[in-house]
Protein backbone atom coordinates (compact mmCIF):
# COMPACT_ATOMS: atom_id res chain seq x y z
CA MET A 1 0.00 0.00 0.00
CA THR A 2 1.02 3.61 -0.34
CA VAL A 3 3.16 5.25 2.32
CA THR A 4 1.38 5.08 5.68
CA PRO A 5 2.62 6.91 8.76
CA ASP A 6 3.90 4.79 11.61
CA ARG A 7 1.01 3.62 13.70
CA PRO A 8 0.64 1.21 16.59
CA SER A 9 -0.45 -2.31 15.92
CA PRO A 10 -4.26 -2.68 16.13
CA ASN A 11 -3.71 -5.38 18.77
CA ALA A 12 -1.45 -3.24 20.94
CA ALA A 13 -3.15 -2.21 24.18
CA ALA A 14 -2.85 1.38 25.30
CA ASP A 15 -0.31 1.92 28.06
CA PRO A 16 -2.49 2.44 31.17
CA VAL A 17 0.14 4.66 32.81
CA ARG A 18 0.92 6.95 29.87
CA PRO A 19 -1.95 9.22 28.77
CA THR A 20 -3.04 9.12 25.14
CA VAL A 21 -3.41 12.21 22.99
CA ILE A 22 -7.16 12.07 23.54
CA ASP A 23 -6.63 11.85 27.31
CA ARG A 24 -4.61 15.09 27.01
CA PHE A 25 -7.47 16.65 25.01
CA VAL A 26 -9.92 15.80 27.79
CA THR A 27 -7.59 17.32 30.41
CA ALA A 28 -7.07 20.45 28.30
CA ASN A 29 -10.83 20.75 27.83
CA ARG A 30 -11.42 20.72 31.58
CA THR A 31 -8.93 23.59 31.95
CA TYR A 32 -10.58 25.46 29.05
CA ALA A 33 -14.08 24.99 30.50
CA VAL A 34 -13.09 26.64 33.81
CA THR A 35 -12.85 30.06 32.13
CA PHE A 36 -15.26 29.39 29.24
CA GLN A 37 -18.04 31.92 28.85
CA ASP A 38 -20.93 31.37 26.49
CA GLY A 39 -20.91 34.53 24.42
CA GLY A 40 -24.42 33.84 23.16
CA MET A 41 -23.20 33.40 19.61
CA ASP A 42 -25.58 32.30 16.92
CA ALA A 43 -24.76 29.33 14.67
CA ARG A 44 -24.88 31.77 11.74
CA PRO A 45 -21.35 32.93 10.88
CA VAL A 46 -20.86 36.64 11.55
CA GLN A 47 -18.99 37.18 8.27
CA LYS A 48 -21.45 35.04 6.25
CA ILE A 49 -18.65 32.98 4.72
CA ALA A 50 -17.81 29.31 4.44
CA VAL A 51 -14.20 28.23 3.98
CA VAL A 52 -13.38 24.86 2.41
CA ALA A 53 -9.81 23.78 3.11
CA CYS A 54 -7.53 20.80 3.49
CA MET A 55 -7.35 19.00 6.82
CA ASP A 56 -3.55 19.41 6.88
CA ALA A 57 -2.44 20.22 10.42
CA ARG A 58 -0.04 22.91 9.16
CA LEU A 59 -2.95 25.19 8.19
CA ASP A 60 -4.08 27.43 11.03
CA LEU A 61 -6.95 28.96 9.12
CA PHE A 62 -8.18 31.21 11.90
CA ALA A 63 -4.78 32.86 12.26
CA ALA A 64 -4.00 32.89 8.53
CA LEU A 65 -7.33 34.49 7.60
CA GLY A 66 -7.75 36.75 10.62
CA LEU A 67 -10.86 34.89 11.77
CA GLU A 68 -12.37 34.93 15.23
CA LEU A 69 -14.63 32.33 16.80
CA GLY A 70 -18.06 32.62 15.19
CA ASP A 71 -16.85 34.37 12.02
CA ALA A 72 -17.02 31.53 9.48
CA HIS A 73 -17.97 27.97 8.79
CA VAL A 74 -14.81 25.96 8.19
CA ILE A 75 -15.22 22.73 6.25
CA ARG A 76 -12.12 20.56 6.04
CA ASN A 77 -11.26 17.33 4.29
CA ALA A 78 -8.28 15.63 2.67
CA GLY A 79 -7.15 17.99 -0.09
CA GLY A 80 -9.86 20.57 0.54
CA VAL A 81 -11.63 19.13 -2.49
CA VAL A 82 -15.29 19.79 -3.26
CA THR A 83 -17.02 16.44 -2.88
CA ASP A 84 -20.72 15.62 -2.58
CA ASP A 85 -20.37 15.89 1.19
CA THR A 86 -18.72 19.30 0.85
CA ILE A 87 -21.65 20.45 -1.29
CA ARG A 88 -24.00 19.08 1.40
CA SER A 89 -22.24 21.14 4.09
CA LEU A 90 -22.12 24.26 1.89
CA THR A 91 -25.82 23.90 1.06
CA ILE A 92 -26.74 23.74 4.75
CA SER A 93 -24.35 26.62 5.46
CA GLN A 94 -26.06 28.81 2.86
CA ARG A 95 -29.69 27.75 2.98
CA ALA A 96 -30.09 27.20 6.72
CA LEU A 97 -27.38 29.43 8.21
CA GLY A 98 -27.08 32.42 5.89
CA THR A 99 -23.60 32.27 4.35
CA ARG A 100 -23.15 33.97 1.00
CA SER A 101 -19.41 33.73 0.18
CA ILE A 102 -17.17 30.70 -0.28
CA ALA A 103 -13.37 30.58 -0.08
CA LEU A 104 -11.63 27.42 -1.29
CA ILE A 105 -8.11 26.85 0.03
CA HIS A 106 -5.67 24.20 -1.17
CA HIS A 107 -2.01 24.26 -0.16
CA THR A 108 1.51 23.47 -1.29
CA GLY A 109 2.97 20.14 -0.21
CA CYS A 110 -0.46 18.49 -0.01
CA GLY A 111 -0.53 14.76 0.65
CA LEU A 112 -3.01 14.28 -2.22
CA LEU A 113 -0.54 15.66 -4.77
CA GLY A 114 0.61 12.67 -6.77
CA LEU A 115 -1.51 10.12 -4.91
CA THR A 116 -3.62 8.03 -7.29
CA GLU A 117 -6.77 5.95 -7.29
CA ASP A 118 -4.40 2.98 -6.81
CA PHE A 119 -4.71 3.92 -3.14
CA ARG A 120 -8.34 2.69 -3.22
CA ARG A 121 -7.42 -0.56 -4.98
CA GLU A 122 -4.63 -1.25 -2.52
CA LEU A 123 -6.96 -0.50 0.36
CA GLU A 124 -9.54 -2.89 -1.06
CA LEU A 125 -6.92 -5.63 -1.32
CA GLU A 126 -5.83 -4.99 2.26
CA VAL A 127 -9.23 -4.89 3.96
CA GLY A 128 -11.42 -6.84 1.53
CA GLN A 129 -13.88 -4.04 0.86
CA ARG A 130 -13.88 -1.32 -1.81
CA PRO A 131 -14.21 2.20 -0.41
CA GLN A 132 -17.36 3.99 -1.57
CA TRP A 133 -15.45 7.25 -1.94
CA ALA A 134 -12.96 8.51 -4.52
CA VAL A 135 -9.49 9.59 -3.41
CA GLU A 136 -9.84 12.86 -5.37
CA ALA A 137 -6.06 13.03 -5.78
CA PHE A 138 -4.53 15.54 -8.17
CA VAL A 139 -1.23 16.43 -9.83
CA ASP A 140 -2.08 20.04 -10.76
CA LEU A 141 -2.70 22.12 -7.64
CA ASP A 142 -4.02 25.19 -9.45
CA GLY A 143 -6.12 23.02 -11.75
CA ASP A 144 -7.75 21.30 -8.80
CA VAL A 145 -8.62 24.65 -7.21
CA ARG A 146 -10.26 25.63 -10.52
CA GLN A 147 -12.15 22.33 -10.61
CA SER A 148 -13.36 22.89 -7.04
CA MET A 149 -14.54 26.41 -7.91
CA GLN A 150 -16.39 25.02 -10.95
CA ARG A 151 -18.09 22.32 -8.85
CA VAL A 152 -19.33 24.99 -6.43
CA ARG A 153 -20.42 27.42 -9.15
CA THR A 154 -22.41 24.77 -11.02
CA SER A 155 -24.10 23.11 -8.06
CA PRO A 156 -27.90 23.44 -8.31
CA PHE A 157 -28.16 23.26 -4.51
CA LEU A 158 -26.20 26.41 -3.71
CA LEU A 159 -28.01 29.76 -3.70
CA HIS A 160 -24.97 32.05 -3.78
CA THR A 161 -22.20 31.27 -6.26
CA ASP A 162 -21.23 34.79 -7.32
CA ASP A 163 -18.60 35.21 -4.56
CA VAL A 164 -16.55 32.01 -4.86
CA ARG A 165 -12.79 32.42 -4.80
CA GLY A 166 -9.98 29.89 -4.76
CA PHE A 167 -6.50 30.07 -3.26
CA VAL A 168 -3.32 28.11 -2.70
CA PHE A 169 -1.77 28.54 0.75
CA ASP A 170 2.03 28.29 0.76
CA VAL A 171 3.01 26.23 3.81
CA HIS A 172 6.51 27.77 3.80
CA THR A 173 5.59 31.46 3.62
CA GLY A 174 2.04 31.51 5.01
CA LEU A 175 0.85 33.52 2.00
CA LEU A 176 -2.28 32.90 -0.05
CA ARG A 177 -2.05 32.99 -3.84
CA GLU A 178 -5.36 33.53 -5.62
CA ILE A 179 -6.30 31.28 -8.53
CA ASP A 180 -8.26 32.81 -11.41
């Protein structure tokens, strides 16, 4: 199969003495909740925008875009590609929660660059079941941003497709480059 990050064996039991990452999340959440104040925010994003971006951990979208809590819907997936599920989320964002603008953000050094649909076939051989989803890999970063913009602009489910813009985030400089 394609390169897979090191991971523990599925049969390996968690070390009962050493906390897991999720255990640390739970502890951090308890600390966070002590000073948490419900600001009475609405589920409707203040800036009426939805951002579709890659799930890559190097992208701090709130900092990079100057967003505050409650400003935007942020929809993330592998590659930041516009899939049926992305359209579902965008449709709910627009029709039920009032967003009007959509920013699509891919990035340099993406793990989907150069990956192929062979990934699905190899996965099927490994687990004995074909994934229902497409990998949506790409070799042309700018071209995939354009394809994502086209999928949004032509969706019959979306009400607002006049303010759709696509970008590539450079993971080395932190700058966005707009794609026409």
